[in-house]
C-alpha atoms as a PDB file:
ATOM      1  CA  UNK A   1      -5.610   2.242 -36.848  1.00  0.00           C
ATOM      2  CA  UNK A   2      -3.290   0.963 -33.893  1.00  0.00           C
ATOM      3  CA  UNK A   3      -4.946  -0.507 -30.947  1.00  0.00           C
ATOM      4  CA  UNK A   4      -3.633   2.247 -28.685  1.00  0.00           C
ATOM      5  CA  UNK A   5      -5.256   4.926 -31.117  1.00  0.00           C
ATOM      6  CA  UNK A   6      -8.730   3.010 -30.882  1.00  0.00           C
ATOM      7  CA  UNK A   7      -8.920   2.924 -27.058  1.00  0.00           C
ATOM      8  CA  UNK A   8      -7.861   6.760 -27.034  1.00  0.00           C
ATOM      9  CA  UNK A   9     -10.752   7.282 -28.932  1.00  0.00           C
ATOM     10  CA  UNK A  10     -13.256   5.127 -26.612  1.00  0.00           C
ATOM     11  CA  UNK A  11     -13.747   7.547 -23.644  1.00  0.00           C
ATOM     12  CA  UNK A  12     -10.415   6.627 -22.048  1.00  0.00           C
ATOM     13  CA  UNK A  13      -8.845   9.945 -22.497  1.00  0.00           C
ATOM     14  CA  UNK A  14      -9.014  11.956 -19.402  1.00  0.00           C
ATOM     15  CA  UNK A  15      -8.085   9.275 -17.143  1.00  0.00           C
ATOM     16  CA  UNK A  16      -4.305   8.930 -15.758  1.00  0.00           C
ATOM     17  CA  UNK A  17      -2.577   6.389 -13.731  1.00  0.00           C
ATOM     18  CA  UNK A  18      -0.429   6.759 -10.503  1.00  0.00           C
ATOM     19  CA  UNK A  19       1.533   3.739  -9.873  1.00  0.00           C
ATOM     20  CA  UNK A  20       2.979   3.565  -6.193  1.00  0.00           C
ATOM     21  CA  UNK A  21       6.741   2.344  -6.262  1.00  0.00           C
ATOM     22  CA  UNK A  22       8.283   4.084  -3.349  1.00  0.00           C
ATOM     23  CA  UNK A  23       8.657   1.574  -0.791  1.00  0.00           C
ATOM     24  CA  UNK A  24      11.840   0.219   0.630  1.00  0.00           C
ATOM     25  CA  UNK A  25      11.020  -3.509   0.354  1.00  0.00           C
ATOM     26  CA  UNK A  26      11.977  -4.128   3.866  1.00  0.00           C
ATOM     27  CA  UNK A  27      10.510  -7.809   4.200  1.00  0.00           C
ATOM     28  CA  UNK A  28      11.630  -8.631   0.707  1.00  0.00           C
ATOM     29  CA  UNK A  29      15.314  -7.804   1.406  1.00  0.00           C
ATOM     30  CA  UNK A  30      15.858  -6.464  -2.132  1.00  0.00           C
ATOM     31  CA  UNK A  31      14.104  -4.036  -4.319  1.00  0.00           C
ATOM     32  CA  UNK A  32      10.779  -5.828  -5.141  1.00  0.00           C
ATOM     33  CA  UNK A  33      10.099  -3.226  -7.874  1.00  0.00           C
ATOM     34  CA  UNK A  34      12.924  -4.745 -10.004  1.00  0.00           C
ATOM     35  CA  UNK A  35      12.068  -8.508  -9.279  1.00  0.00           C
ATOM     36  CA  UNK A  36      11.298 -10.157 -12.560  1.00  0.00           C
ATOM     37  CA  UNK A  37       8.026 -12.161 -13.641  1.00  0.00           C
ATOM     38  CA  UNK A  38       7.018 -13.033 -16.903  1.00  0.00           C
ATOM     39  CA  UNK A  39      10.324 -11.655 -18.599  1.00  0.00           C
ATOM     40  CA  UNK A  40       9.943  -8.355 -17.230  1.00  0.00           C
ATOM     41  CA  UNK A  41      10.361  -6.543 -13.678  1.00  0.00           C
ATOM     42  CA  UNK A  42       7.291  -5.866 -11.632  1.00  0.00           C
ATOM     43  CA  UNK A  43       7.796  -2.144 -12.071  1.00  0.00           C
ATOM     44  CA  UNK A  44       7.807  -2.391 -16.115  1.00  0.00           C
ATOM     45  CA  UNK A  45       4.918  -4.882 -15.974  1.00  0.00           C
ATOM     46  CA  UNK A  46       2.741  -2.182 -14.000  1.00  0.00           C
ATOM     47  CA  UNK A  47       3.934   0.753 -16.368  1.00  0.00           C
ATOM     48  CA  UNK A  48       3.467  -1.418 -19.461  1.00  0.00           C
ATOM     49  CA  UNK A  49      -0.287  -2.352 -18.458  1.00  0.00           C
ATOM     50  CA  UNK A  50      -0.894   1.382 -17.689  1.00  0.00           C
ATOM     51  CA  UNK A  51       0.571   2.521 -21.146  1.00  0.00           C
ATOM     52  CA  UNK A  52      -1.211  -0.236 -22.966  1.00  0.00           C
ATOM     53  CA  UNK A  53      -4.583   0.947 -21.556  1.00  0.00           C
ATOM     54  CA  UNK A  54      -3.893   4.412 -22.838  1.00  0.00           C
ATOM     55  CA  UNK A  55      -4.503   5.813 -19.261  1.00  0.00           C
ATOM     56  CA  UNK A  56      -1.904   8.593 -19.665  1.00  0.00           C
ATOM     57  CA  UNK A  57      -0.090  10.369 -18.299  1.00  0.00           C
ATOM     58  CA  UNK A  58       1.375   7.678 -16.175  1.00  0.00           C
ATOM     59  CA  UNK A  59       2.877   8.993 -12.977  1.00  0.00           C
ATOM     60  CA  UNK A  60       5.308   6.621 -11.429  1.00  0.00           C
ATOM     61  CA  UNK A  61       6.040   7.528  -7.824  1.00  0.00           C
ATOM     62  CA  UNK A  62       9.740   6.670  -6.584  1.00  0.00           C
ATOM     63  CA  UNK A  63      11.383   6.909  -3.252  1.00  0.00           C
ATOM     64  CA  UNK A  64      13.621   4.173  -1.737  1.00  0.00           C
ATOM     65  CA  UNK A  65      15.867   2.660  -4.510  1.00  0.00           C
ATOM     66  CA  UNK A  66      14.713   5.544  -7.092  1.00  0.00           C
ATOM     67  CA  UNK A  67      17.757   5.662  -9.068  1.00  0.00           C
ATOM     68  CA  UNK A  68      17.644   1.868  -9.943  1.00  0.00           C
ATOM     69  CA  UNK A  69      13.917   2.281 -10.683  1.00  0.00           C
ATOM     70  CA  UNK A  70      14.444   5.320 -13.092  1.00  0.00           C
ATOM     71  CA  UNK A  71      17.047   3.099 -14.924  1.00  0.00           C
ATOM     72  CA  UNK A  72      14.604   0.225 -15.026  1.00  0.00           C
ATOM     73  CA  UNK A  73      11.909   2.205 -16.824  1.00  0.00           C
ATOM     74  CA  UNK A  74      14.538   3.899 -19.435  1.00  0.00           C
ATOM     75  CA  UNK A  75      12.518   4.103 -22.696  1.00  0.00           C
ATOM     76  CA  UNK A  76       9.301   4.089 -21.235  1.00  0.00           C
ATOM     77  CA  UNK A  77       6.938   7.251 -21.559  1.00  0.00           C
ATOM     78  CA  UNK A  78       6.327   7.645 -18.119  1.00  0.00           C
ATOM     79  CA  UNK A  79       6.693  10.787 -15.538  1.00  0.00           C
ATOM     80  CA  UNK A  80       8.568  10.236 -12.460  1.00  0.00           C
ATOM     81  CA  UNK A  81       7.496  11.829  -9.302  1.00  0.00           C
ATOM     82  CA  UNK A  82       9.855  11.281  -6.375  1.00  0.00           C
ATOM     83  CA  UNK A  83       8.773  10.985  -2.910  1.00  0.00           C
ATOM     84  CA  UNK A  84      11.408  12.184  -0.437  1.00  0.00           C
ATOM     85  CA  UNK A  85       9.164  11.468   2.414  1.00  0.00           C
ATOM     86  CA  UNK A  86       8.641   7.761   1.452  1.00  0.00           C
ATOM     87  CA  UNK A  87       9.630   6.588   5.145  1.00  0.00           C
ATOM     88  CA  UNK A  88       6.453   8.371   6.644  1.00  0.00           C
ATOM     89  CA  UNK A  89       4.156   5.734   4.980  1.00  0.00           C
ATOM     90  CA  UNK A  90       2.021   4.928   1.988  1.00  0.00           C
ATOM     91  CA  UNK A  91       0.003   8.149   2.312  1.00  0.00           C
ATOM     92  CA  UNK A  92       2.899  10.322   1.280  1.00  0.00           C
ATOM     93  CA  UNK A  93       3.146   8.356  -2.226  1.00  0.00           C
ATOM     94  CA  UNK A  94      -0.254   8.746  -2.796  1.00  0.00           C
ATOM     95  CA  UNK A  95      -0.039  12.550  -1.999  1.00  0.00           C
ATOM     96  CA  UNK A  96       2.753  13.026  -4.386  1.00  0.00           C
ATOM     97  CA  UNK A  97       1.223  11.020  -7.177  1.00  0.00           C
ATOM     98  CA  UNK A  98      -2.133  12.354  -6.843  1.00  0.00           C
ATOM     99  CA  UNK A  99      -0.682  16.009  -6.661  1.00  0.00           C
ATOM    100  CA  UNK A 100       1.506  15.236  -9.961  1.00  0.00           C
ATOM    101  CA  UNK A 101      -1.484  14.271 -12.028  1.00  0.00           C
ATOM    102  CA  UNK A 102      -4.017  16.791 -10.415  1.00  0.00           C
ATOM    103  CA  UNK A 103      -2.016  19.686 -11.939  1.00  0.00           C
ATOM    104  CA  UNK A 104      -2.947  18.447 -15.587  1.00  0.00           C
ATOM    105  CA  UNK A 105      -6.637  20.050 -16.063  1.00  0.00           C
ATOM    106  CA  UNK A 106      -7.463  17.482 -18.686  1.00  0.00           C
ATOM    107  CA  UNK A 107      -7.355  14.825 -16.178  1.00  0.00           C
ATOM    108  CA  UNK A 108     -10.980  13.917 -14.834  1.00  0.00           C
ATOM    109  CA  UNK A 109      -9.997  10.609 -12.973  1.00  0.00           C
ATOM    110  CA  UNK A 110      -6.945   8.689 -11.855  1.00  0.00           C
ATOM    111  CA  UNK A 111      -6.256   4.874 -11.635  1.00  0.00           C
ATOM    112  CA  UNK A 112      -4.365   4.448  -8.755  1.00  0.00           C
ATOM    113  CA  UNK A 113      -2.093   1.153  -8.832  1.00  0.00           C
ATOM    114  CA  UNK A 114       0.673  -0.744  -6.859  1.00  0.00           C
ATOM    115  CA  UNK A 115       3.908  -2.009  -8.515  1.00  0.00           C
ATOM    116  CA  UNK A 116       3.694  -5.354  -6.960  1.00  0.00           C
ATOM    117  CA  UNK A 117       0.335  -6.656  -8.013  1.00  0.00           C
ATOM    118  CA  UNK A 118       1.735  -8.648 -10.824  1.00  0.00           C
ATOM    119  CA  UNK A 119      -1.520  -9.800 -12.442  1.00  0.00           C
ATOM    120  CA  UNK A 120      -2.973  -6.223 -13.215  1.00  0.00           C
ATOM    121  CA  UNK A 121      -3.048  -6.118 -16.958  1.00  0.00           C
ATOM    122  CA  UNK A 122      -4.175  -3.698 -19.465  1.00  0.00           C
ATOM    123  CA  UNK A 123      -7.509  -5.577 -19.339  1.00  0.00           C
ATOM    124  CA  UNK A 124      -7.885  -5.025 -15.610  1.00  0.00           C
ATOM    125  CA  UNK A 125      -7.320  -1.314 -16.142  1.00  0.00           C
ATOM    126  CA  UNK A 126      -9.808  -1.060 -18.976  1.00  0.00           C
ATOM    127  CA  UNK A 127     -12.567  -2.673 -17.122  1.00  0.00           C
ATOM    128  CA  UNK A 128     -12.220  -0.067 -14.340  1.00  0.00           C
ATOM    129  CA  UNK A 129     -12.401   2.739 -16.887  1.00  0.00           C
ATOM    130  CA  UNK A 130     -15.384   1.164 -18.534  1.00  0.00           C
ATOM    131  CA  UNK A 131     -17.390   0.749 -15.301  1.00  0.00           C
ATOM    132  CA  UNK A 132     -16.459   4.442 -14.362  1.00  0.00           C
ATOM    133  CA  UNK A 133     -17.942   5.508 -17.820  1.00  0.00           C
ATOM    134  CA  UNK A 134     -21.027   3.208 -17.642  1.00  0.00           C
ATOM    135  CA  UNK A 135     -21.947   3.184 -13.955  1.00  0.00           C
ATOM    136  CA  UNK A 136     -21.129   6.804 -13.464  1.00  0.00           C
ATOM    137  CA  UNK A 137     -19.620   5.980 -10.170  1.00  0.00           C
ATOM    138  CA  UNK A 138     -16.949   8.247  -8.753  1.00  0.00           C
ATOM    139  CA  UNK A 139     -14.796   5.308  -7.334  1.00  0.00           C
ATOM    140  CA  UNK A 140     -14.525   1.944  -9.003  1.00  0.00           C
ATOM    141  CA  UNK A 141     -12.259  -0.513  -6.987  1.00  0.00           C
ATOM    142  CA  UNK A 142     -11.071  -4.107  -7.204  1.00  0.00           C
ATOM    143  CA  UNK A 143     -12.907  -6.832  -5.012  1.00  0.00           C
ATOM    144  CA  UNK A 144     -10.795  -9.656  -3.855  1.00  0.00           C
ATOM    145  CA  UNK A 145     -10.061 -12.116  -0.870  1.00  0.00           C
ATOM    146  CA  UNK A 146     -13.080 -10.654   0.748  1.00  0.00           C
ATOM    147  CA  UNK A 147     -11.831  -7.330   0.687  1.00  0.00           C
ATOM    148  CA  UNK A 148     -11.143  -4.598  -1.840  1.00  0.00           C
ATOM    149  CA  UNK A 149      -8.746  -1.895  -2.902  1.00  0.00           C
ATOM    150  CA  UNK A 150      -6.474  -1.064  -5.649  1.00  0.00           C
ATOM    151  CA  UNK A 151      -6.048  -0.953  -8.686  1.00  0.00           C
ATOM    152  CA  UNK A 152      -8.999   1.610  -8.327  1.00  0.00           C
ATOM    153  CA  UNK A 153     -10.189   4.555 -10.011  1.00  0.00           C
ATOM    154  CA  UNK A 154     -10.976   7.917  -8.486  1.00  0.00           C
ATOM    155  CA  UNK A 155     -12.960  10.823  -9.965  1.00  0.00           C
ATOM    156  CA  UNK A 156     -11.388  14.165  -9.495  1.00  0.00           C
ATOM    157  CA  UNK A 157     -13.775  14.891  -6.866  1.00  0.00           C
ATOM    158  CA  UNK A 158     -11.885  12.757  -4.644  1.00  0.00           C
ATOM    159  CA  UNK A 159      -8.230  13.919  -5.457  1.00  0.00           C
ATOM    160  CA  UNK A 160      -8.376  16.344  -2.288  1.00  0.00           C
ATOM    161  CA  UNK A 161      -9.323  13.471  -0.188  1.00  0.00           C
ATOM    162  CA  UNK A 162      -6.681  11.349  -1.155  1.00  0.00           C
ATOM    163  CA  UNK A 163      -3.893  14.038  -0.857  1.00  0.00           C
ATOM    164  CA  UNK A 164      -5.352  14.523   2.483  1.00  0.00           C
ATOM    165  CA  UNK A 165      -4.198  11.010   3.742  1.00  0.00           C
ATOM    166  CA  UNK A 166      -1.602  10.583   6.567  1.00  0.00           C
ATOM    167  CA  UNK A 167       0.713   8.086   7.954  1.00  0.00           C
ATOM    168  CA  UNK A 168       0.421   4.465   6.837  1.00  0.00           C
ATOM    169  CA  UNK A 169      -3.293   5.003   5.428  1.00  0.00           C
ATOM    170  CA  UNK A 170      -3.653   4.045   1.707  1.00  0.00           C
ATOM    171  CA  UNK A 171      -6.280   4.593  -1.116  1.00  0.00           C
ATOM    172  CA  UNK A 172      -8.272   1.992   0.691  1.00  0.00           C
ATOM    173  CA  UNK A 173      -9.220   4.679   3.486  1.00  0.00           C
ATOM    174  CA  UNK A 174     -11.061   6.574   0.742  1.00  0.00           C
ATOM    175  CA  UNK A 175     -12.897   3.804  -0.649  1.00  0.00           C
ATOM    176  CA  UNK A 176     -14.077   2.734   2.834  1.00  0.00           C
ATOM    177  CA  UNK A 177     -15.628   6.434   3.460  1.00  0.00           C
ATOM    178  CA  UNK A 178     -17.634   6.164   0.357  1.00  0.00           C
ATOM    179  CA  UNK A 179     -18.338   2.382   0.012  1.00  0.00           C
ATOM    180  CA  UNK A 180     -22.026   2.596  -0.572  1.00  0.00           C
ATOM    181  CA  UNK A 181     -21.457   4.159  -3.528  1.00  0.00           C
ATOM    182  CA  UNK A 182     -18.363   2.550  -4.942  1.00  0.00           C
ATOM    183  CA  UNK A 183     -18.507   0.078  -7.858  1.00  0.00           C
ATOM    184  CA  UNK A 184     -16.637  -3.021  -7.106  1.00  0.00           C
ATOM    185  CA  UNK A 185     -15.165  -5.199  -9.914  1.00  0.00           C
ATOM    186  CA  UNK A 186     -14.167  -8.640  -9.144  1.00  0.00           C
ATOM    187  CA  UNK A 187     -10.355  -9.118  -9.678  1.00  0.00           C
ATOM    188  CA  UNK A 188      -9.514 -12.521  -7.534  1.00  0.00           C
ATOM    189  CA  UNK A 189      -5.746 -12.226  -8.486  1.00  0.00           C
ATOM    190  CA  UNK A 190      -5.559  -8.947  -6.919  1.00  0.00           C
ATOM    191  CA  UNK A 191      -4.839 -10.386  -3.519  1.00  0.00           C
ATOM    192  CA  UNK A 192      -1.368 -11.450  -4.962  1.00  0.00           C
ATOM    193  CA  UNK A 193       1.134  -9.099  -3.966  1.00  0.00           C
ATOM    194  CA  UNK A 194       4.821  -9.443  -3.456  1.00  0.00           C
ATOM    195  CA  UNK A 195       6.117  -8.417   0.090  1.00  0.00           C
ATOM    196  CA  UNK A 196       8.261 -11.324   1.124  1.00  0.00           C
ATOM    197  CA  UNK A 197      10.624 -13.897  -0.601  1.00  0.00           C
ATOM    198  CA  UNK A 198       7.934 -16.713   0.154  1.00  0.00           C
ATOM    199  CA  UNK A 199       5.458 -14.531  -1.803  1.00  0.00           C
ATOM    200  CA  UNK A 200       7.787 -14.224  -4.546  1.00  0.00           C
ATOM    201  CA  UNK A 201       8.499 -17.941  -4.693  1.00  0.00           C
ATOM    202  CA  UNK A 202       4.712 -18.622  -4.868  1.00  0.00           C
ATOM    203  CA  UNK A 203       4.608 -16.241  -7.778  1.00  0.00           C
ATOM    204  CA  UNK A 204       7.252 -17.898  -9.591  1.00  0.00           C
ATOM    205  CA  UNK A 205       5.193 -21.160  -9.586  1.00  0.00           C
ATOM    206  CA  UNK A 206       2.258 -19.328 -11.400  1.00  0.00           C
ATOM    207  CA  UNK A 207       1.781 -18.483 -14.910  1.00  0.00           C
ATOM    208  CA  UNK A 208       2.310 -14.920 -15.845  1.00  0.00           C
ATOM    209  CA  UNK A 209      -0.458 -14.770 -18.376  1.00  0.00           C
ATOM    210  CA  UNK A 210      -0.313 -12.272 -20.813  1.00  0.00           C
END
């Protein structure tokens, strides 16, 4: 039996993934989705982690640089949801991604991820799902750098709230509203995201892990 088959039978079915990858990478100057770390683009690393965790379907929200991102994920079993309103802010990508996955009646929860957190792995995603099953919390979020945020898992009961976000508000806004009832998992590496050339230079000095 393959590892993926084993995981699919351990209560992970019913949890999908949305990867937010629609931003224009303004501060980076080039498409950060396609920057390579550990032999893979950041976008492919994120998609690989979700697929290896069997949190499917995997919906990748694209906007700016969509054509290049699609080509980069050629051969990956992911669903692309294009955000034509990506200029309006993060909330538009959350809405597009959650709407795409909410239409599947078998999905009871979704893991929201960014494409530029390079240390999100299969194991990180699996821990979110295990906590969701064991703690019976409707939100499980990552804790890092004296804060919290994505990757985070949201039960279907929060889908409408996620799709009601506006402007630059991201999923953290929903976490904040329900913080007393959110289960937080320590993920120190979650504070590492890639927005500038300096961020990427620091990343390249670190081990990519596995």
